[in-house]
C-alpha atoms as a PDB file:
ATOM      1  CA  MET A   1     -10.764  10.300  -6.105  1.00  0.00           C
ATOM      2  CA  HIS A   2      -7.413  10.203  -4.776  1.00  0.00           C
ATOM      3  CA  GLU A   3      -6.763   6.977  -5.632  1.00  0.00           C
ATOM      4  CA  TYR A   4      -5.385   8.255  -8.583  1.00  0.00           C
ATOM      5  CA  SER A   5      -3.048  10.951  -6.844  1.00  0.00           C
ATOM      6  CA  ILE A   6      -1.353   8.011  -5.635  1.00  0.00           C
ATOM      7  CA  VAL A   7      -1.321   6.038  -8.672  1.00  0.00           C
ATOM      8  CA  SER A   8       0.378   9.427  -9.995  1.00  0.00           C
ATOM      9  CA  ALA A   9       2.734   8.698  -7.396  1.00  0.00           C
ATOM     10  CA  LEU A  10       3.575   5.482  -7.836  1.00  0.00           C
ATOM     11  CA  LEU A  11       4.246   6.608 -11.921  1.00  0.00           C
ATOM     12  CA  GLU A  12       6.596   8.557 -10.994  1.00  0.00           C
ATOM     13  CA  ARG A  13       8.288   6.882  -8.025  1.00  0.00           C
ATOM     14  CA  VAL A  14       8.242   3.731  -9.894  1.00  0.00           C
ATOM     15  CA  SER A  15      10.088   5.673 -13.351  1.00  0.00           C
ATOM     16  CA  ALA A  16      12.218   7.104 -10.760  1.00  0.00           C
ATOM     17  CA  GLU A  17      13.767   3.870  -9.694  1.00  0.00           C
ATOM     18  CA  ALA A  18      13.408   2.230 -12.943  1.00  0.00           C
ATOM     19  CA  ARG A  19      15.598   5.033 -14.983  1.00  0.00           C
ATOM     20  CA  ALA A  20      18.218   4.973 -11.535  1.00  0.00           C
ATOM     21  CA  HIS A  21      18.509   0.762 -12.489  1.00  0.00           C
ATOM     22  CA  ASN A  22      18.390   1.578 -16.324  1.00  0.00           C
ATOM     23  CA  ALA A  23      15.794  -0.217 -16.478  1.00  0.00           C
ATOM     24  CA  THR A  24      14.176  -1.444 -20.138  1.00  0.00           C
ATOM     25  CA  ALA A  25      10.553  -2.419 -19.048  1.00  0.00           C
ATOM     26  CA  VAL A  26       8.774  -2.952 -15.566  1.00  0.00           C
ATOM     27  CA  HIS A  27       7.137  -6.556 -14.738  1.00  0.00           C
ATOM     28  CA  ARG A  28       5.844  -5.974 -11.683  1.00  0.00           C
ATOM     29  CA  LEU A  29       4.609  -4.233  -8.822  1.00  0.00           C
ATOM     30  CA  THR A  30       3.596  -5.316  -5.103  1.00  0.00           C
ATOM     31  CA  VAL A  31       1.743  -2.319  -2.928  1.00  0.00           C
ATOM     32  CA  ARG A  32       0.895  -3.282   0.468  1.00  0.00           C
ATOM     33  CA  ILE A  33      -2.280  -0.920   1.951  1.00  0.00           C
ATOM     34  CA  GLY A  34      -3.812  -1.415   4.474  1.00  0.00           C
ATOM     35  CA  ASP A  35      -7.582  -2.410   5.692  1.00  0.00           C
ATOM     36  CA  ALA A  36      -7.728   2.146   7.254  1.00  0.00           C
ATOM     37  CA  ALA A  37      -5.866   3.503   5.135  1.00  0.00           C
ATOM     38  CA  GLY A  38      -8.431   5.015   2.681  1.00  0.00           C
ATOM     39  CA  VAL A  39      -7.560   3.892  -0.128  1.00  0.00           C
ATOM     40  CA  GLU A  40     -10.348   1.066  -2.290  1.00  0.00           C
ATOM     41  CA  PRO A  41      -7.947  -1.341  -4.274  1.00  0.00           C
ATOM     42  CA  ASP A  42     -10.257  -1.709  -6.821  1.00  0.00           C
ATOM     43  CA  LEU A  43     -10.261   1.890  -7.368  1.00  0.00           C
ATOM     44  CA  LEU A  44      -6.439   1.685  -7.125  1.00  0.00           C
ATOM     45  CA  SER A  45      -6.042  -1.157  -9.278  1.00  0.00           C
ATOM     46  CA  LYS A  46      -8.607   0.979 -12.242  1.00  0.00           C
ATOM     47  CA  ALA A  47      -6.153   3.763 -11.767  1.00  0.00           C
ATOM     48  CA  TYR A  48      -3.924   1.931 -12.296  1.00  0.00           C
ATOM     49  CA  GLU A  49      -4.584   0.254 -15.614  1.00  0.00           C
ATOM     50  CA  HIS A  50      -6.127   4.252 -17.043  1.00  0.00           C
ATOM     51  CA  PHE A  51      -2.859   5.135 -15.896  1.00  0.00           C
ATOM     52  CA  ARG A  52       0.394   3.720 -16.958  1.00  0.00           C
ATOM     53  CA  ALA A  53      -0.517   3.690 -20.431  1.00  0.00           C
ATOM     54  CA  GLY A  54       2.776   5.383 -22.360  1.00  0.00           C
ATOM     55  CA  THR A  55       4.794   4.477 -19.137  1.00  0.00           C
ATOM     56  CA  ILE A  56       7.595   2.548 -18.301  1.00  0.00           C
ATOM     57  CA  CYS A  57       4.545   0.530 -16.599  1.00  0.00           C
ATOM     58  CA  ALA A  58       2.860   0.083 -19.663  1.00  0.00           C
ATOM     59  CA  ARG A  59       2.945  -3.238 -19.450  1.00  0.00           C
ATOM     60  CA  ALA A  60       3.311  -4.170 -15.550  1.00  0.00           C
ATOM     61  CA  GLU A  61       0.914  -5.922 -13.443  1.00  0.00           C
ATOM     62  CA  LEU A  62       0.045  -4.628 -10.170  1.00  0.00           C
ATOM     63  CA  CYS A  63      -0.178  -6.967  -7.343  1.00  0.00           C
ATOM     64  CA  VAL A  64      -1.983  -5.390  -4.240  1.00  0.00           C
ATOM     65  CA  GLU A  65      -1.583  -6.991  -1.048  1.00  0.00           C
ATOM     66  CA  ARG A  66      -4.086  -5.919   1.785  1.00  0.00           C
ATOM     67  CA  VAL A  67      -3.285  -5.807   5.803  1.00  0.00           C
ATOM     68  CA  ALA A  68      -5.237  -5.838   8.228  1.00  0.00           C
ATOM     69  CA  GLU A  69      -5.597  -3.196  11.370  1.00  0.00           C
ATOM     70  CA  ARG A  70      -3.754  -4.138  14.203  1.00  0.00           C
ATOM     71  CA  TRP A  71      -4.461  -2.625  17.289  1.00  0.00           C
ATOM     72  CA  VAL A  72      -2.519  -2.797  20.255  1.00  0.00           C
ATOM     73  CA  CYS A  73      -2.905  -1.481  24.119  1.00  0.00           C
ATOM     74  CA  PRO A  74       0.293   0.795  24.095  1.00  0.00           C
ATOM     75  CA  VAL A  75       0.830  -0.001  28.061  1.00  0.00           C
ATOM     76  CA  CYS A  76       0.687  -3.371  28.803  1.00  0.00           C
ATOM     77  CA  GLY A  77       0.853  -4.020  25.118  1.00  0.00           C
ATOM     78  CA  ARG A  78      -2.852  -6.317  24.669  1.00  0.00           C
ATOM     79  CA  THR A  79      -4.064  -6.492  21.079  1.00  0.00           C
ATOM     80  CA  LEU A  80      -7.543  -6.110  20.843  1.00  0.00           C
ATOM     81  CA  GLU A  81     -10.152  -8.304  18.918  1.00  0.00           C
ATOM     82  CA  ARG A  82     -11.435  -7.253  15.509  1.00  0.00           C
ATOM     83  CA  GLY A  83     -14.715  -5.114  16.028  1.00  0.00           C
ATOM     84  CA  ALA A  84     -13.632  -4.606  19.670  1.00  0.00           C
ATOM     85  CA  VAL A  85     -13.841  -1.288  21.695  1.00  0.00           C
ATOM     86  CA  LEU A  86     -10.753   0.607  20.974  1.00  0.00           C
ATOM     87  CA  SER A  87      -9.696   0.598  24.532  1.00  0.00           C
ATOM     88  CA  CYS A  88      -7.869  -2.400  26.630  1.00  0.00           C
ATOM     89  CA  GLU A  89      -9.633  -4.323  28.685  1.00  0.00           C
ATOM     90  CA  GLY A  90      -7.202  -4.917  30.506  1.00  0.00           C
ATOM     91  CA  CYS A  91      -5.953  -1.479  32.059  1.00  0.00           C
ATOM     92  CA  GLY A  92      -8.786   0.596  29.702  1.00  0.00           C
ATOM     93  CA  MET A  93      -6.064   2.598  28.091  1.00  0.00           C
ATOM     94  CA  PRO A  94      -6.984   4.005  24.463  1.00  0.00           C
ATOM     95  CA  ALA A  95      -6.050   1.221  21.742  1.00  0.00           C
ATOM     96  CA  ARG A  96      -2.822   2.426  19.223  1.00  0.00           C
ATOM     97  CA  LEU A  97      -3.337   1.362  15.269  1.00  0.00           C
ATOM     98  CA  MET A  98      -0.390  -0.363  14.933  1.00  0.00           C
ATOM     99  CA  ALA A  99      -0.425  -1.660  11.314  1.00  0.00           C
ATOM    100  CA  GLY A 100      -3.410  -1.571   8.943  1.00  0.00           C
ATOM    101  CA  ASP A 101      -2.812   2.496   7.680  1.00  0.00           C
ATOM    102  CA  GLU A 102       0.161   2.185   5.443  1.00  0.00           C
ATOM    103  CA  ILE A 103       0.619   2.275   1.296  1.00  0.00           C
ATOM    104  CA  ILE A 104       3.703   0.806   0.719  1.00  0.00           C
ATOM    105  CA  LEU A 105       5.868   0.545  -2.324  1.00  0.00           C
ATOM    106  CA  GLU A 106       6.890  -3.341  -1.720  1.00  0.00           C
ATOM    107  CA  ARG A 107       8.212  -4.326  -4.357  1.00  0.00           C
ATOM    108  CA  ILE A 108       9.065  -3.207  -7.907  1.00  0.00           C
ATOM    109  CA  GLU A 109       9.923  -6.329 -10.626  1.00  0.00           C
ATOM    110  CA  MET A 110      12.047  -4.908 -14.000  1.00  0.00           C
ATOM    111  CA  GLU A 111      14.452  -5.861 -16.765  1.00  0.00           C
ATOM    112  CA  VAL A 112      17.706  -4.448 -15.214  1.00  0.00           C
ATOM    113  CA  PRO A 113      20.511  -5.020 -18.760  1.00  0.00           C
END
């Protein structure tokens, strides 16, 4: 389950940001996860609940925003419909994934003196 390693890296990053800003608490984290990122949001949330104890995020809520896959033809710019064959109907070129594979720490809400 690589969600544990993702949560570990997330908590390290948030801890570093909190230290850099002299934060006394973190209240909420917002993470954007693409549907094609290979991450199960429910497993990520469970891993977060397990690992946040004893960290500055001990009471922080984790908000996960899903990002849908978006495939586009790199030649003509046509967006492919969800579930379509991954080649352009217009020019036949293979599509390129433009969104939906990201894992981004979007926002940290922290208390700073």
